[in-house]
Amino acid sequence: MTGTEDKLQQRLTMSKTESKDMKEAMEETMQRVQGRFQGISEQLESRLTQMGTRIDDLEKNVSDLMTQAGMEEQAVSK
């Protein structure tokens, strides 16, 4: 090989190494992003479940209060 071919080979080797490093960095970044997204999704699902439970409890309490106040019978008779 000539000096020019050696330099080209070195540059090619460096480019492959840089590409590999960049690929590994991107894969690591994507794994971190996926982990964060998964965590946020789980938190959101948990909070929505809690909210649903609270709404169900609120509906039951309102219904009980209406029954205690005799309003349910009035609403049905209308």
N, C-alpha and C. Protein backbone atom coordinates (compact mmCIF):
# COMPACT_ATOMS: atom_id res chain seq x y z
N MET A 1 0.83 -1.18 0.00
CA MET A 1 0.00 0.00 0.00
C MET A 1 0.88 1.24 0.00
N THR A 2 0.33 2.26 -0.62
CA THR A 2 1.04 3.54 -0.63
C THR A 2 0.65 4.33 0.60
N GLY A 3 1.30 5.45 0.80
CA GLY A 3 0.99 6.32 1.94
C GLY A 3 -0.44 6.81 1.88
N THR A 4 -0.91 7.13 0.69
CA THR A 4 -2.27 7.62 0.52
C THR A 4 -3.28 6.53 0.86
N GLU A 5 -2.99 5.31 0.41
CA GLU A 5 -3.89 4.20 0.71
C GLU A 5 -3.92 3.92 2.21
N ASP A 6 -2.79 4.03 2.86
CA ASP A 6 -2.72 3.84 4.33
C ASP A 6 -3.58 4.88 5.04
N LYS A 7 -3.46 6.12 4.60
CA LYS A 7 -4.26 7.19 5.22
C LYS A 7 -5.75 6.96 5.00
N LEU A 8 -6.13 6.55 3.79
CA LEU A 8 -7.53 6.27 3.51
C LEU A 8 -8.03 5.11 4.37
N GLN A 9 -7.20 4.09 4.53
CA GLN A 9 -7.57 2.93 5.35
C GLN A 9 -7.74 3.35 6.81
N GLN A 10 -6.86 4.21 7.29
CA GLN A 10 -6.95 4.70 8.67
C GLN A 10 -8.24 5.51 8.86
N ARG A 11 -8.54 6.36 7.89
CA ARG A 11 -9.76 7.17 7.98
C ARG A 11 -11.00 6.29 7.95
N LEU A 12 -10.97 5.27 7.11
CA LEU A 12 -12.09 4.34 7.02
C LEU A 12 -12.27 3.61 8.35
N THR A 13 -11.18 3.17 8.93
CA THR A 13 -11.23 2.48 10.22
C THR A 13 -11.76 3.42 11.30
N MET A 14 -11.30 4.68 11.30
CA MET A 14 -11.78 5.66 12.27
C MET A 14 -13.27 5.93 12.08
N SER A 15 -13.70 6.03 10.82
CA SER A 15 -15.12 6.27 10.54
C SER A 15 -15.97 5.12 11.04
N LYS A 16 -15.50 3.88 10.84
CA LYS A 16 -16.24 2.72 11.32
C LYS A 16 -16.33 2.73 12.84
N THR A 17 -15.23 3.08 13.49
CA THR A 17 -15.21 3.15 14.95
C THR A 17 -16.15 4.24 15.45
N GLU A 18 -16.10 5.40 14.83
CA GLU A 18 -16.99 6.51 15.21
C GLU A 18 -18.45 6.14 14.98
N SER A 19 -18.72 5.45 13.88
CA SER A 19 -20.09 5.02 13.59
C SER A 19 -20.58 4.03 14.65
N LYS A 20 -19.70 3.11 15.03
CA LYS A 20 -20.05 2.12 16.05
C LYS A 20 -20.32 2.82 17.39
N ASP A 21 -19.45 3.77 17.74
CA ASP A 21 -19.63 4.52 19.00
C ASP A 21 -20.94 5.30 18.98
N MET A 22 -21.23 5.92 17.84
CA MET A 22 -22.46 6.70 17.73
C MET A 22 -23.68 5.80 17.82
N LYS A 23 -23.60 4.64 17.17
CA LYS A 23 -24.71 3.69 17.21
C LYS A 23 -24.95 3.23 18.65
N GLU A 24 -23.88 2.91 19.37
CA GLU A 24 -24.02 2.48 20.76
C GLU A 24 -24.60 3.59 21.63
N ALA A 25 -24.16 4.82 21.40
CA ALA A 25 -24.67 5.96 22.17
C ALA A 25 -26.16 6.16 21.88
N MET A 26 -26.55 6.04 20.63
CA MET A 26 -27.96 6.21 20.26
C MET A 26 -28.82 5.10 20.87
N GLU A 27 -28.32 3.87 20.83
CA GLU A 27 -29.07 2.76 21.41
C GLU A 27 -29.25 2.96 22.92
N GLU A 28 -28.20 3.41 23.58
CA GLU A 28 -28.27 3.68 25.02
C GLU A 28 -29.27 4.80 25.31
N THR A 29 -29.22 5.84 24.51
CA THR A 29 -30.16 6.96 24.68
C THR A 29 -31.59 6.49 24.46
N MET A 30 -31.82 5.70 23.44
CA MET A 30 -33.17 5.21 23.16
C MET A 30 -33.66 4.31 24.29
N GLN A 31 -32.78 3.51 24.87
CA GLN A 31 -33.18 2.66 26.00
C GLN A 31 -33.57 3.51 27.21
N ARG A 32 -32.81 4.58 27.46
CA ARG A 32 -33.16 5.49 28.57
C ARG A 32 -34.50 6.16 28.32
N VAL A 33 -34.71 6.63 27.09
CA VAL A 33 -35.98 7.28 26.74
C VAL A 33 -37.13 6.29 26.90
N GLN A 34 -36.93 5.07 26.44
CA GLN A 34 -37.97 4.05 26.55
C GLN A 34 -38.28 3.76 28.02
N GLY A 35 -37.25 3.69 28.85
CA GLY A 35 -37.45 3.46 30.27
C GLY A 35 -38.22 4.58 30.93
N ARG A 36 -37.88 5.80 30.59
CA ARG A 36 -38.61 6.96 31.14
C ARG A 36 -40.06 6.97 30.67
N PHE A 37 -40.26 6.68 29.39
CA PHE A 37 -41.61 6.64 28.84
C PHE A 37 -42.44 5.57 29.55
N GLN A 38 -41.83 4.40 29.77
CA GLN A 38 -42.52 3.31 30.46
C GLN A 38 -42.90 3.74 31.88
N GLY A 39 -41.99 4.40 32.57
CA GLY A 39 -42.27 4.87 33.93
C GLY A 39 -43.40 5.88 33.96
N ILE A 40 -43.38 6.81 33.04
CA ILE A 40 -44.43 7.82 32.96
C ILE A 40 -45.77 7.17 32.62
N SER A 41 -45.75 6.21 31.71
CA SER A 41 -46.98 5.51 31.33
C SER A 41 -47.58 4.78 32.52
N GLU A 42 -46.73 4.14 33.32
CA GLU A 42 -47.21 3.42 34.49
C GLU A 42 -47.80 4.38 35.52
N GLN A 43 -47.14 5.52 35.72
CA GLN A 43 -47.66 6.52 36.65
C GLN A 43 -49.01 7.05 36.18
N LEU A 44 -49.12 7.33 34.90
CA LEU A 44 -50.37 7.85 34.35
C LEU A 44 -51.50 6.83 34.49
N GLU A 45 -51.19 5.58 34.19
CA GLU A 45 -52.21 4.54 34.33
C GLU A 45 -52.67 4.41 35.78
N SER A 46 -51.73 4.47 36.70
CA SER A 46 -52.07 4.39 38.13
C SER A 46 -52.94 5.56 38.56
N ARG A 47 -52.59 6.75 38.13
CA ARG A 47 -53.38 7.93 38.50
C ARG A 47 -54.77 7.90 37.89
N LEU A 48 -54.88 7.41 36.66
CA LEU A 48 -56.20 7.30 36.03
C LEU A 48 -57.06 6.28 36.76
N THR A 49 -56.45 5.19 37.20
CA THR A 49 -57.18 4.19 37.96
C THR A 49 -57.67 4.78 39.28
N GLN A 50 -56.79 5.52 39.96
CA GLN A 50 -57.19 6.18 41.21
C GLN A 50 -58.33 7.17 40.97
N MET A 51 -58.23 7.92 39.89
CA MET A 51 -59.26 8.90 39.58
C MET A 51 -60.59 8.20 39.31
N GLY A 52 -60.55 7.09 38.58
CA GLY A 52 -61.77 6.33 38.31
C GLY A 52 -62.41 5.83 39.59
N THR A 53 -61.57 5.35 40.52
CA THR A 53 -62.08 4.88 41.80
C THR A 53 -62.72 6.02 42.58
N ARG A 54 -62.08 7.16 42.58
CA ARG A 54 -62.63 8.32 43.29
C ARG A 54 -63.96 8.77 42.68
N ILE A 55 -64.05 8.75 41.37
CA ILE A 55 -65.30 9.15 40.71
C ILE A 55 -66.40 8.16 41.07
N ASP A 56 -66.08 6.85 41.05
CA ASP A 56 -67.08 5.85 41.44
C ASP A 56 -67.55 6.08 42.87
N ASP A 57 -66.61 6.36 43.77
CA ASP A 57 -66.98 6.64 45.16
C ASP A 57 -67.85 7.89 45.27
N LEU A 58 -67.50 8.91 44.52
CA LEU A 58 -68.27 10.15 44.54
C LEU A 58 -69.69 9.91 44.04
N GLU A 59 -69.83 9.15 42.95
CA GLU A 59 -71.16 8.85 42.42
C GLU A 59 -71.99 8.08 43.45
N LYS A 60 -71.36 7.13 44.13
CA LYS A 60 -72.07 6.36 45.15
C LYS A 60 -72.49 7.27 46.30
N ASN A 61 -71.60 8.14 46.75
CA ASN A 61 -71.93 9.06 47.84
C ASN A 61 -73.08 10.00 47.47
N VAL A 62 -73.05 10.52 46.26
CA VAL A 62 -74.12 11.41 45.80
C VAL A 62 -75.44 10.65 45.75
N SER A 63 -75.39 9.43 45.24
CA SER A 63 -76.60 8.61 45.17
C SER A 63 -77.14 8.32 46.56
N ASP A 64 -76.24 7.99 47.50
CA ASP A 64 -76.66 7.74 48.88
C ASP A 64 -77.29 8.99 49.49
N LEU A 65 -76.68 10.13 49.26
CA LEU A 65 -77.23 11.39 49.80
C LEU A 65 -78.60 11.70 49.21
N MET A 66 -78.74 11.45 47.93
CA MET A 66 -80.04 11.69 47.29
C MET A 66 -81.09 10.76 47.87
N THR A 67 -80.70 9.52 48.10
CA THR A 67 -81.64 8.56 48.69
C THR A 67 -82.02 9.00 50.10
N GLN A 68 -81.04 9.41 50.88
CA GLN A 68 -81.31 9.87 52.25
C GLN A 68 -82.22 11.10 52.26
N ALA A 69 -82.06 11.95 51.29
CA ALA A 69 -82.86 13.19 51.24
C ALA A 69 -84.22 12.95 50.59
N GLY A 70 -84.45 11.75 50.08
CA GLY A 70 -85.74 11.45 49.44
C GLY A 70 -85.83 12.02 48.04
N MET A 71 -84.73 12.50 47.49
CA MET A 71 -84.74 13.12 46.15
C MET A 71 -84.84 12.09 45.06
N GLU A 72 -84.36 10.88 45.29
CA GLU A 72 -84.38 9.88 44.25
C GLU A 72 -85.82 9.52 43.91
N GLU A 73 -86.67 9.40 44.92
CA GLU A 73 -88.07 9.09 44.68
C GLU A 73 -88.75 10.20 43.89
N GLN A 74 -88.40 11.46 44.21
CA GLN A 74 -88.98 12.59 43.48
C GLN A 74 -88.51 12.60 42.04
N ALA A 75 -87.22 12.30 41.81
CA ALA A 75 -86.68 12.30 40.45
C ALA A 75 -87.31 11.18 39.64
N VAL A 76 -87.60 10.04 40.25
CA VAL A 76 -88.19 8.92 39.53
C VAL A 76 -89.65 9.20 39.21
N SER A 77 -90.37 9.86 40.10
CA SER A 77 -91.79 10.12 39.88
C SER A 77 -92.07 11.21 38.87
N LYS A 78 -91.08 12.00 38.50
CA LYS A 78 -91.29 13.09 37.54
C LYS A 78 -91.44 12.59 36.17
